[in-house]
Amino acid sequence: RYQSTSDEIYVDPFHHGKFLTKADCIQYLVSGSHGLQDEFLAPVSTRRMLMRICSNLHQIYSQMELTEETTRLQRYLVALAR
């Protein structure tokens, strides 16, 4: 969730960044047996979003045995964690 002073935007990273409403998210969580917890719909910082993206890429590159890319993403994660 991205939160500004005037907007609340939910982004589905698994479906090409599709924008969702809060009701869409609740329906997805309940229908998927995930349960509904407030932190699932809480906003995240830009830093946290970048860390998630880098972490996902790191995992992909590692599985593909792309050493240079894996190392580069590891450096990004360390820098973002500071």
Protein backbone atom coordinates (compact mmCIF):
# COMPACT_ATOMS: atom_id res chain seq x y z
CA ARG A 1 0.00 0.00 0.00
CA TYR A 2 1.17 3.47 -0.87
CA GLN A 3 -0.24 6.24 1.29
CA SER A 4 -0.17 9.95 0.52
CA THR A 5 -2.11 12.77 2.13
CA SER A 6 -4.91 12.36 -0.40
CA ASP A 7 -4.65 8.80 -1.78
CA GLU A 8 -4.44 5.21 -0.65
CA ILE A 9 -3.18 2.91 -3.40
CA TYR A 10 -2.77 -0.84 -3.25
CA VAL A 11 -0.49 -2.43 -5.84
CA ASP A 12 -0.58 -6.11 -6.82
CA PRO A 13 3.03 -7.05 -7.63
CA PHE A 14 1.99 -10.47 -8.91
CA HIS A 15 -0.29 -9.13 -11.64
CA HIS A 16 1.86 -6.53 -13.40
CA GLY A 17 1.40 -3.87 -10.72
CA LYS A 18 -2.37 -3.77 -11.05
CA PHE A 19 -4.00 -1.18 -8.78
CA LEU A 20 -6.51 -2.54 -6.28
CA THR A 21 -8.99 -1.11 -3.82
CA LYS A 22 -8.90 -1.95 -0.15
CA ALA A 23 -12.05 -4.05 -0.69
CA ASP A 24 -10.26 -6.01 -3.46
CA CYS A 25 -7.39 -6.78 -1.10
CA ILE A 26 -9.69 -7.89 1.71
CA GLN A 27 -11.63 -10.14 -0.66
CA TYR A 28 -8.38 -11.71 -1.92
CA LEU A 29 -7.05 -12.35 1.59
CA VAL A 30 -10.29 -13.84 2.90
CA SER A 31 -10.96 -16.00 -0.17
CA GLY A 32 -7.38 -17.31 -0.17
CA SER A 33 -7.51 -18.49 3.44
CA HIS A 34 -4.78 -16.02 4.39
CA GLY A 35 -6.85 -14.43 7.10
CA LEU A 36 -7.17 -10.71 7.57
CA GLN A 37 -4.53 -8.94 9.65
CA ASP A 38 -4.10 -5.16 9.73
CA GLU A 39 -0.39 -5.36 8.89
CA PHE A 40 -1.20 -7.05 5.57
CA LEU A 41 -2.78 -3.79 4.38
CA ALA A 42 -0.40 -1.36 6.09
CA PRO A 43 1.58 1.13 4.01
CA VAL A 44 5.25 0.43 3.38
CA SER A 45 8.07 2.89 2.87
CA THR A 46 9.87 3.41 -0.40
CA ARG A 47 12.96 1.83 1.17
CA ARG A 48 10.97 -1.28 2.13
CA MET A 49 9.58 -1.58 -1.40
CA LEU A 50 13.08 -1.34 -2.86
CA MET A 51 14.37 -3.93 -0.41
CA ARG A 52 11.60 -6.33 -1.44
CA ILE A 53 12.30 -5.84 -5.14
CA CYS A 54 16.05 -6.31 -4.64
CA SER A 55 15.49 -9.36 -2.48
CA ASN A 56 13.28 -10.96 -5.13
CA LEU A 57 15.84 -10.21 -7.86
CA HIS A 58 18.64 -11.54 -5.67
CA GLN A 59 16.78 -14.82 -5.25
CA ILE A 60 16.08 -15.09 -8.99
CA TYR A 61 19.68 -14.36 -9.96
CA SER A 62 20.96 -16.80 -7.36
CA GLN A 63 18.73 -19.57 -8.71
CA MET A 64 19.94 -18.80 -12.24
CA GLU A 65 23.54 -18.92 -10.96
CA LEU A 66 24.25 -15.39 -12.20
CA THR A 67 27.06 -14.59 -9.78
CA GLU A 68 27.76 -10.97 -10.74
CA GLU A 69 24.11 -9.98 -10.59
CA THR A 70 23.62 -11.84 -7.32
CA THR A 71 26.60 -10.02 -5.78
CA ARG A 72 25.39 -6.64 -7.07
CA LEU A 73 21.93 -7.14 -5.55
CA GLN A 74 23.51 -8.25 -2.28
CA ARG A 75 25.38 -4.92 -2.14
CA TYR A 76 22.12 -3.06 -2.79
CA LEU A 77 20.41 -4.92 0.04
CA VAL A 78 23.22 -4.12 2.45
CA ALA A 79 23.09 -0.43 1.50
CA LEU A 80 19.30 -0.28 1.84
CA ALA A 81 19.43 -1.97 5.26
CA ARG A 82 21.50 0.87 6.74
